[in-house]
Amino acid sequence: MSVMEIVAGSLLIFVSLILVLIVLSMESKDQGLTSAIGGGYNESFYGKNGANSKEAKLSRIARVCSIILFIVTLGVNIVVSIYHK
């Protein structure tokens, strides 16, 4: 194994753990029985200012982490296929 493979593998593990922790810390979008009876319309301060909420920030971080994970995975596969021929 080369140093590049070890660094990329470590980066993959780190980013995937961050992504799992972020997804686990997000709240569920499902409102359950309250939504079924009340029609699901809950207008609140956080609904109006969704871009500044904790959920929006976590969603943005999760999106960035998933893009990084995808790019690093593709990069590792390309590097490994080139060097191991």
PDB file of N, CA and C in Angstrom:
ATOM      1  N   MET A   1       0.841  -1.188   0.000  1.00  0.00           N
ATOM      2  CA  MET A   1       0.000   0.000   0.000  1.00  0.00           C
ATOM      3  C   MET A   1       0.880   1.244   0.000  1.00  0.00           C
ATOM      4  N   SER A   2       0.495   2.169  -0.822  1.00  0.00           N
ATOM      5  CA  SER A   2       1.249   3.413  -0.887  1.00  0.00           C
ATOM      6  C   SER A   2       0.726   4.400   0.155  1.00  0.00           C
ATOM      7  N   VAL A   3       1.476   5.435   0.340  1.00  0.00           N
ATOM      8  CA  VAL A   3       1.087   6.468   1.300  1.00  0.00           C
ATOM      9  C   VAL A   3      -0.208   7.145   0.851  1.00  0.00           C
ATOM     10  N   MET A   4      -0.352   7.309  -0.461  1.00  0.00           N
ATOM     11  CA  MET A   4      -1.551   7.949  -0.992  1.00  0.00           C
ATOM     12  C   MET A   4      -2.808   7.113  -0.687  1.00  0.00           C
ATOM     13  N   GLU A   5      -2.698   5.798  -0.807  1.00  0.00           N
ATOM     14  CA  GLU A   5      -3.835   4.931  -0.499  1.00  0.00           C
ATOM     15  C   GLU A   5      -4.202   4.990   0.975  1.00  0.00           C
ATOM     16  N   ILE A   6      -3.198   5.048   1.834  1.00  0.00           N
ATOM     17  CA  ILE A   6      -3.456   5.123   3.273  1.00  0.00           C
ATOM     18  C   ILE A   6      -4.125   6.447   3.633  1.00  0.00           C
ATOM     19  N   VAL A   7      -3.632   7.544   3.069  1.00  0.00           N
ATOM     20  CA  VAL A   7      -4.222   8.859   3.342  1.00  0.00           C
ATOM     21  C   VAL A   7      -5.652   8.918   2.821  1.00  0.00           C
ATOM     22  N   ALA A   8      -5.871   8.430   1.605  1.00  0.00           N
ATOM     23  CA  ALA A   8      -7.218   8.453   1.027  1.00  0.00           C
ATOM     24  C   ALA A   8      -8.167   7.549   1.810  1.00  0.00           C
ATOM     25  N   GLY A   9      -7.685   6.394   2.241  1.00  0.00           N
ATOM     26  CA  GLY A   9      -8.518   5.504   3.048  1.00  0.00           C
ATOM     27  C   GLY A   9      -8.877   6.123   4.386  1.00  0.00           C
ATOM     28  N   SER A  10      -7.909   6.786   5.001  1.00  0.00           N
ATOM     29  CA  SER A  10      -8.183   7.472   6.270  1.00  0.00           C
ATOM     30  C   SER A  10      -9.186   8.598   6.077  1.00  0.00           C
ATOM     31  N   LEU A  11      -9.049   9.334   4.967  1.00  0.00           N
ATOM     32  CA  LEU A  11      -9.992  10.403   4.666  1.00  0.00           C
ATOM     33  C   LEU A  11     -11.398   9.849   4.430  1.00  0.00           C
ATOM     34  N   LEU A  12     -11.497   8.719   3.742  1.00  0.00           N
ATOM     35  CA  LEU A  12     -12.799   8.084   3.520  1.00  0.00           C
ATOM     36  C   LEU A  12     -13.456   7.679   4.840  1.00  0.00           C
ATOM     37  N   ILE A  13     -12.682   7.090   5.726  1.00  0.00           N
ATOM     38  CA  ILE A  13     -13.222   6.681   7.023  1.00  0.00           C
ATOM     39  C   ILE A  13     -13.673   7.901   7.821  1.00  0.00           C
ATOM     40  N   PHE A  14     -12.853   8.942   7.848  1.00  0.00           N
ATOM     41  CA  PHE A  14     -13.182  10.151   8.601  1.00  0.00           C
ATOM     42  C   PHE A  14     -14.446  10.816   8.070  1.00  0.00           C
ATOM     43  N   VAL A  15     -14.531  11.003   6.750  1.00  0.00           N
ATOM     44  CA  VAL A  15     -15.693  11.666   6.165  1.00  0.00           C
ATOM     45  C   VAL A  15     -16.952  10.827   6.348  1.00  0.00           C
ATOM     46  N   SER A  16     -16.838   9.513   6.220  1.00  0.00           N
ATOM     47  CA  SER A  16     -18.025   8.671   6.403  1.00  0.00           C
ATOM     48  C   SER A  16     -18.505   8.684   7.853  1.00  0.00           C
ATOM     49  N   LEU A  17     -17.595   8.722   8.815  1.00  0.00           N
ATOM     50  CA  LEU A  17     -18.009   8.819  10.217  1.00  0.00           C
ATOM     51  C   LEU A  17     -18.683  10.158  10.504  1.00  0.00           C
ATOM     52  N   ILE A  18     -18.138  11.234   9.955  1.00  0.00           N
ATOM     53  CA  ILE A  18     -18.755  12.560  10.116  1.00  0.00           C
ATOM     54  C   ILE A  18     -20.156  12.554   9.514  1.00  0.00           C
ATOM     55  N   LEU A  19     -20.297  11.961   8.329  1.00  0.00           N
ATOM     56  CA  LEU A  19     -21.583  11.911   7.654  1.00  0.00           C
ATOM     57  C   LEU A  19     -22.601  11.113   8.464  1.00  0.00           C
ATOM     58  N   VAL A  20     -22.187   9.998   9.027  1.00  0.00           N
ATOM     59  CA  VAL A  20     -23.091   9.192   9.854  1.00  0.00           C
ATOM     60  C   VAL A  20     -23.526   9.971  11.086  1.00  0.00           C
ATOM     61  N   LEU A  21     -22.602  10.654  11.746  1.00  0.00           N
ATOM     62  CA  LEU A  21     -22.947  11.424  12.948  1.00  0.00           C
ATOM     63  C   LEU A  21     -23.893  12.581  12.619  1.00  0.00           C
ATOM     64  N   ILE A  22     -23.683  13.224  11.490  1.00  0.00           N
ATOM     65  CA  ILE A  22     -24.560  14.335  11.101  1.00  0.00           C
ATOM     66  C   ILE A  22     -25.965  13.833  10.808  1.00  0.00           C
ATOM     67  N   VAL A  23     -26.055  12.741  10.065  1.00  0.00           N
ATOM     68  CA  VAL A  23     -27.377  12.198   9.728  1.00  0.00           C
ATOM     69  C   VAL A  23     -28.107  11.720  10.982  1.00  0.00           C
ATOM     70  N   LEU A  24     -27.382  11.139  11.910  1.00  0.00           N
ATOM     71  CA  LEU A  24     -28.019  10.696  13.154  1.00  0.00           C
ATOM     72  C   LEU A  24     -28.477  11.861  14.021  1.00  0.00           C
ATOM     73  N   SER A  25     -27.809  13.000  13.919  1.00  0.00           N
ATOM     74  CA  SER A  25     -28.199  14.139  14.738  1.00  0.00           C
ATOM     75  C   SER A  25     -29.336  14.957  14.134  1.00  0.00           C
ATOM     76  N   MET A  26     -29.680  14.693  12.877  1.00  0.00           N
ATOM     77  CA  MET A  26     -30.790  15.401  12.246  1.00  0.00           C
ATOM     78  C   MET A  26     -32.120  14.897  12.797  1.00  0.00           C
ATOM     79  N   GLU A  27     -33.073  15.808  12.848  1.00  0.00           N
ATOM     80  CA  GLU A  27     -34.399  15.419  13.300  1.00  0.00           C
ATOM     81  C   GLU A  27     -35.192  14.855  12.142  1.00  0.00           C
ATOM     82  N   SER A  28     -36.149  14.015  12.467  1.00  0.00           N
ATOM     83  CA  SER A  28     -36.985  13.391  11.447  1.00  0.00           C
ATOM     84  C   SER A  28     -37.955  14.408  10.862  1.00  0.00           C
ATOM     85  N   LYS A  29     -38.204  14.311   9.576  1.00  0.00           N
ATOM     86  CA  LYS A  29     -39.160  15.203   8.918  1.00  0.00           C
ATOM     87  C   LYS A  29     -40.598  14.720   9.119  1.00  0.00           C
ATOM     88  N   ASP A  30     -40.756  13.500   9.554  1.00  0.00           N
ATOM     89  CA  ASP A  30     -42.076  12.918   9.749  1.00  0.00           C
ATOM     90  C   ASP A  30     -42.727  13.516  10.993  1.00  0.00           C
ATOM     91  N   GLN A  31     -43.962  14.028  10.849  1.00  0.00           N
ATOM     92  CA  GLN A  31     -44.648  14.644  11.971  1.00  0.00           C
ATOM     93  C   GLN A  31     -45.655  13.699  12.611  1.00  0.00           C
ATOM     94  N   GLY A  32     -45.832  12.529  12.058  1.00  0.00           N
ATOM     95  CA  GLY A  32     -46.649  11.508  12.659  1.00  0.00           C
ATOM     96  C   GLY A  32     -48.138  11.796  12.616  1.00  0.00           C
ATOM     97  N   LEU A  33     -48.840  11.397  13.670  1.00  0.00           N
ATOM     98  CA  LEU A  33     -50.295  11.484  13.739  1.00  0.00           C
ATOM     99  C   LEU A  33     -50.778  12.924  13.795  1.00  0.00           C
ATOM    100  N   THR A  34     -50.014  13.817  14.371  1.00  0.00           N
ATOM    101  CA  THR A  34     -50.399  15.222  14.427  1.00  0.00           C
ATOM    102  C   THR A  34     -50.556  15.796  13.021  1.00  0.00           C
ATOM    103  N   SER A  35     -49.697  15.409  12.151  1.00  0.00           N
ATOM    104  CA  SER A  35     -49.753  15.879  10.767  1.00  0.00           C
ATOM    105  C   SER A  35     -50.970  15.306  10.042  1.00  0.00           C
ATOM    106  N   ALA A  36     -51.302  14.058  10.325  1.00  0.00           N
ATOM    107  CA  ALA A  36     -52.440  13.423   9.654  1.00  0.00           C
ATOM    108  C   ALA A  36     -53.766  14.053  10.084  1.00  0.00           C
ATOM    109  N   ILE A  37     -53.897  14.385  11.357  1.00  0.00           N
ATOM    110  CA  ILE A  37     -55.149  14.953  11.867  1.00  0.00           C
ATOM    111  C   ILE A  37     -55.226  16.448  11.566  1.00  0.00           C
ATOM    112  N   GLY A  38     -54.149  17.167  11.777  1.00  0.00           N
ATOM    113  CA  GLY A  38     -54.164  18.620  11.631  1.00  0.00           C
ATOM    114  C   GLY A  38     -53.877  19.103  10.235  1.00  0.00           C
ATOM    115  N   GLY A  39     -53.588  18.236   9.323  1.00  0.00           N
ATOM    116  CA  GLY A  39     -53.320  18.648   7.953  1.00  0.00           C
ATOM    117  C   GLY A  39     -51.862  18.906   7.663  1.00  0.00           C
ATOM    118  N   GLY A  40     -51.008  18.868   8.661  1.00  0.00           N
ATOM    119  CA  GLY A  40     -49.576  19.008   8.445  1.00  0.00           C
ATOM    120  C   GLY A  40     -49.096  20.423   8.209  1.00  0.00           C
ATOM    121  N   TYR A  41     -49.903  21.420   8.462  1.00  0.00           N
ATOM    122  CA  TYR A  41     -49.489  22.798   8.225  1.00  0.00           C
ATOM    123  C   TYR A  41     -49.120  23.421   9.552  1.00  0.00           C
ATOM    124  N   ASN A  42     -47.850  23.542   9.795  1.00  0.00           N
ATOM    125  CA  ASN A  42     -47.351  24.163  11.020  1.00  0.00           C
ATOM    126  C   ASN A  42     -46.462  25.327  10.631  1.00  0.00           C
ATOM    127  N   GLU A  43     -46.989  26.513  10.642  1.00  0.00           N
ATOM    128  CA  GLU A  43     -46.216  27.704  10.307  1.00  0.00           C
ATOM    129  C   GLU A  43     -45.539  28.195  11.582  1.00  0.00           C
ATOM    130  N   SER A  44     -44.231  28.269  11.550  1.00  0.00           N
ATOM    131  CA  SER A  44     -43.496  28.716  12.721  1.00  0.00           C
ATOM    132  C   SER A  44     -42.369  29.641  12.280  1.00  0.00           C
ATOM    133  N   PHE A  45     -41.694  30.170  13.260  1.00  0.00           N
ATOM    134  CA  PHE A  45     -40.553  31.035  12.980  1.00  0.00           C
ATOM    135  C   PHE A  45     -39.473  30.264  12.228  1.00  0.00           C
ATOM    136  N   TYR A  46     -39.245  29.004  12.634  1.00  0.00           N
ATOM    137  CA  TYR A  46     -38.214  28.208  11.990  1.00  0.00           C
ATOM    138  C   TYR A  46     -38.613  27.811  10.577  1.00  0.00           C
ATOM    139  N   GLY A  47     -39.895  27.694  10.308  1.00  0.00           N
ATOM    140  CA  GLY A  47     -40.343  27.400   8.957  1.00  0.00           C
ATOM    141  C   GLY A  47     -40.106  28.558   8.019  1.00  0.00           C
ATOM    142  N   LYS A  48     -40.262  29.771   8.527  1.00  0.00           N
ATOM    143  CA  LYS A  48     -40.045  30.960   7.703  1.00  0.00           C
ATOM    144  C   LYS A  48     -38.564  31.236   7.490  1.00  0.00           C
ATOM    145  N   ASN A  49     -37.750  30.927   8.482  1.00  0.00           N
ATOM    146  CA  ASN A  49     -36.304  31.180   8.408  1.00  0.00           C
ATOM    147  C   ASN A  49     -35.553  29.857   8.350  1.00  0.00           C
ATOM    148  N   GLY A  50     -35.916  29.026   7.405  1.00  0.00           N
ATOM    149  CA  GLY A  50     -35.341  27.691   7.314  1.00  0.00           C
ATOM    150  C   GLY A  50     -33.866  27.664   6.991  1.00  0.00           C
ATOM    151  N   ALA A  51     -33.355  28.663   6.286  1.00  0.00           N
ATOM    152  CA  ALA A  51     -31.946  28.657   5.895  1.00  0.00           C
ATOM    153  C   ALA A  51     -31.022  28.883   7.081  1.00  0.00           C
ATOM    154  N   ASN A  52     -31.532  29.480   8.147  1.00  0.00           N
ATOM    155  CA  ASN A  52     -30.702  29.770   9.314  1.00  0.00           C
ATOM    156  C   ASN A  52     -30.862  28.755  10.430  1.00  0.00           C
ATOM    157  N   SER A  53     -31.689  27.753  10.244  1.00  0.00           N
ATOM    158  CA  SER A  53     -31.956  26.804  11.316  1.00  0.00           C
ATOM    159  C   SER A  53     -30.845  25.760  11.430  1.00  0.00           C
ATOM    160  N   LYS A  54     -30.864  25.059  12.524  1.00  0.00           N
ATOM    161  CA  LYS A  54     -29.888  24.005  12.775  1.00  0.00           C
ATOM    162  C   LYS A  54     -30.016  22.907  11.729  1.00  0.00           C
ATOM    163  N   GLU A  55     -31.244  22.566  11.362  1.00  0.00           N
ATOM    164  CA  GLU A  55     -31.473  21.514  10.378  1.00  0.00           C
ATOM    165  C   GLU A  55     -30.923  21.889   9.006  1.00  0.00           C
ATOM    166  N   ALA A  56     -31.064  23.152   8.628  1.00  0.00           N
ATOM    167  CA  ALA A  56     -30.549  23.591   7.335  1.00  0.00           C
ATOM    168  C   ALA A  56     -29.024  23.530   7.313  1.00  0.00           C
ATOM    169  N   LYS A  57     -28.403  23.910   8.417  1.00  0.00           N
ATOM    170  CA  LYS A  57     -26.944  23.859   8.485  1.00  0.00           C
ATOM    171  C   LYS A  57     -26.453  22.418   8.452  1.00  0.00           C
ATOM    172  N   LEU A  58     -27.122  21.534   9.197  1.00  0.00           N
ATOM    173  CA  LEU A  58     -26.739  20.124   9.178  1.00  0.00           C
ATOM    174  C   LEU A  58     -26.945  19.513   7.799  1.00  0.00           C
ATOM    175  N   SER A  59     -28.009  19.926   7.132  1.00  0.00           N
ATOM    176  CA  SER A  59     -28.274  19.423   5.793  1.00  0.00           C
ATOM    177  C   SER A  59     -27.187  19.870   4.815  1.00  0.00           C
ATOM    178  N   ARG A  60     -26.754  21.116   4.937  1.00  0.00           N
ATOM    179  CA  ARG A  60     -25.686  21.626   4.084  1.00  0.00           C
ATOM    180  C   ARG A  60     -24.372  20.880   4.335  1.00  0.00           C
ATOM    181  N   ILE A  61     -24.051  20.656   5.604  1.00  0.00           N
ATOM    182  CA  ILE A  61     -22.818  19.944   5.947  1.00  0.00           C
ATOM    183  C   ILE A  61     -22.882  18.508   5.445  1.00  0.00           C
ATOM    184  N   ALA A  62     -24.044  17.870   5.583  1.00  0.00           N
ATOM    185  CA  ALA A  62     -24.206  16.495   5.099  1.00  0.00           C
ATOM    186  C   ALA A  62     -24.050  16.438   3.584  1.00  0.00           C
ATOM    187  N   ARG A  63     -24.578  17.425   2.881  1.00  0.00           N
ATOM    188  CA  ARG A  63     -24.450  17.464   1.420  1.00  0.00           C
ATOM    189  C   ARG A  63     -22.986  17.599   1.017  1.00  0.00           C
ATOM    190  N   VAL A  64     -22.246  18.476   1.684  1.00  0.00           N
ATOM    191  CA  VAL A  64     -20.825  18.681   1.370  1.00  0.00           C
ATOM    192  C   VAL A  64     -20.030  17.412   1.679  1.00  0.00           C
ATOM    193  N   CYS A  65     -20.311  16.784   2.818  1.00  0.00           N
ATOM    194  CA  CYS A  65     -19.594  15.556   3.182  1.00  0.00           C
ATOM    195  C   CYS A  65     -19.871  14.435   2.194  1.00  0.00           C
ATOM    196  N   SER A  66     -21.107  14.332   1.720  1.00  0.00           N
ATOM    197  CA  SER A  66     -21.415  13.270   0.764  1.00  0.00           C
ATOM    198  C   SER A  66     -20.739  13.522  -0.576  1.00  0.00           C
ATOM    199  N   ILE A  67     -20.622  14.782  -0.984  1.00  0.00           N
ATOM    200  CA  ILE A  67     -19.911  15.101  -2.221  1.00  0.00           C
ATOM    201  C   ILE A  67     -18.423  14.775  -2.079  1.00  0.00           C
ATOM    202  N   ILE A  68     -17.833  15.123  -0.939  1.00  0.00           N
ATOM    203  CA  ILE A  68     -16.423  14.804  -0.683  1.00  0.00           C
ATOM    204  C   ILE A  68     -16.213  13.299  -0.685  1.00  0.00           C
ATOM    205  N   LEU A  69     -17.114  12.569  -0.047  1.00  0.00           N
ATOM    206  CA  LEU A  69     -17.015  11.114   0.004  1.00  0.00           C
ATOM    207  C   LEU A  69     -17.062  10.519  -1.406  1.00  0.00           C
ATOM    208  N   PHE A  70     -17.960  11.017  -2.231  1.00  0.00           N
ATOM    209  CA  PHE A  70     -18.094  10.538  -3.599  1.00  0.00           C
ATOM    210  C   PHE A  70     -16.827  10.814  -4.415  1.00  0.00           C
ATOM    211  N   ILE A  71     -16.304  12.035  -4.323  1.00  0.00           N
ATOM    212  CA  ILE A  71     -15.126  12.416  -5.102  1.00  0.00           C
ATOM    213  C   ILE A  71     -13.887  11.631  -4.653  1.00  0.00           C
ATOM    214  N   VAL A  72     -13.706  11.501  -3.346  1.00  0.00           N
ATOM    215  CA  VAL A  72     -12.535  10.769  -2.847  1.00  0.00           C
ATOM    216  C   VAL A  72     -12.629   9.294  -3.222  1.00  0.00           C
ATOM    217  N   THR A  73     -13.820   8.713  -3.168  1.00  0.00           N
ATOM    218  CA  THR A  73     -13.990   7.311  -3.561  1.00  0.00           C
ATOM    219  C   THR A  73     -13.648   7.114  -5.032  1.00  0.00           C
ATOM    220  N   LEU A  74     -14.136   8.010  -5.887  1.00  0.00           N
ATOM    221  CA  LEU A  74     -13.782   7.920  -7.307  1.00  0.00           C
ATOM    222  C   LEU A  74     -12.279   8.087  -7.513  1.00  0.00           C
ATOM    223  N   GLY A  75     -11.697   9.043  -6.818  1.00  0.00           N
ATOM    224  CA  GLY A  75     -10.260   9.275  -6.941  1.00  0.00           C
ATOM    225  C   GLY A  75      -9.442   8.075  -6.511  1.00  0.00           C
ATOM    226  N   VAL A  76      -9.807   7.448  -5.401  1.00  0.00           N
ATOM    227  CA  VAL A  76      -9.086   6.274  -4.918  1.00  0.00           C
ATOM    228  C   VAL A  76      -9.196   5.134  -5.928  1.00  0.00           C
ATOM    229  N   ASN A  77     -10.377   4.917  -6.467  1.00  0.00           N
ATOM    230  CA  ASN A  77     -10.550   3.850  -7.443  1.00  0.00           C
ATOM    231  C   ASN A  77      -9.753   4.101  -8.709  1.00  0.00           C
ATOM    232  N   ILE A  78      -9.689   5.346  -9.157  1.00  0.00           N
ATOM    233  CA  ILE A  78      -8.910   5.665 -10.352  1.00  0.00           C
ATOM    234  C   ILE A  78      -7.421   5.467 -10.093  1.00  0.00           C
ATOM    235  N   VAL A  79      -6.943   5.951  -8.954  1.00  0.00           N
ATOM    236  CA  VAL A  79      -5.521   5.822  -8.612  1.00  0.00           C
ATOM    237  C   VAL A  79      -5.142   4.359  -8.457  1.00  0.00           C
ATOM    238  N   VAL A  80      -5.953   3.575  -7.789  1.00  0.00           N
ATOM    239  CA  VAL A  80      -5.654   2.175  -7.578  1.00  0.00           C
ATOM    240  C   VAL A  80      -5.642   1.421  -8.906  1.00  0.00           C
ATOM    241  N   SER A  81      -6.609   1.739  -9.788  1.00  0.00           N
ATOM    242  CA  SER A  81      -6.641   1.044 -11.080  1.00  0.00           C
ATOM    243  C   SER A  81      -5.451   1.410 -11.957  1.00  0.00           C
ATOM    244  N   ILE A  82      -4.933   2.627 -11.822  1.00  0.00           N
ATOM    245  CA  ILE A  82      -3.770   3.047 -12.630  1.00  0.00           C
ATOM    246  C   ILE A  82      -2.497   2.404 -12.102  1.00  0.00           C
ATOM    247  N   TYR A  83      -2.298   2.415 -10.788  1.00  0.00           N
ATOM    248  CA  TYR A  83      -1.055   1.921 -10.216  1.00  0.00           C
ATOM    249  C   TYR A  83      -0.950   0.411 -10.132  1.00  0.00           C
ATOM    250  N   HIS A  84      -2.063  -0.284 -10.175  1.00  0.00           N
ATOM    251  CA  HIS A  84      -2.022  -1.736 -10.014  1.00  0.00           C
ATOM    252  C   HIS A  84      -2.168  -2.490 -11.337  1.00  0.00           C
ATOM    253  N   LYS A  85      -1.823  -1.845 -12.445  1.00  0.00           N
ATOM    254  CA  LYS A  85      -1.864  -2.530 -13.742  1.00  0.00           C
ATOM    255  C   LYS A  85      -0.530  -3.115 -14.091  1.00  0.00           C
TER     256      LYS A  85
END
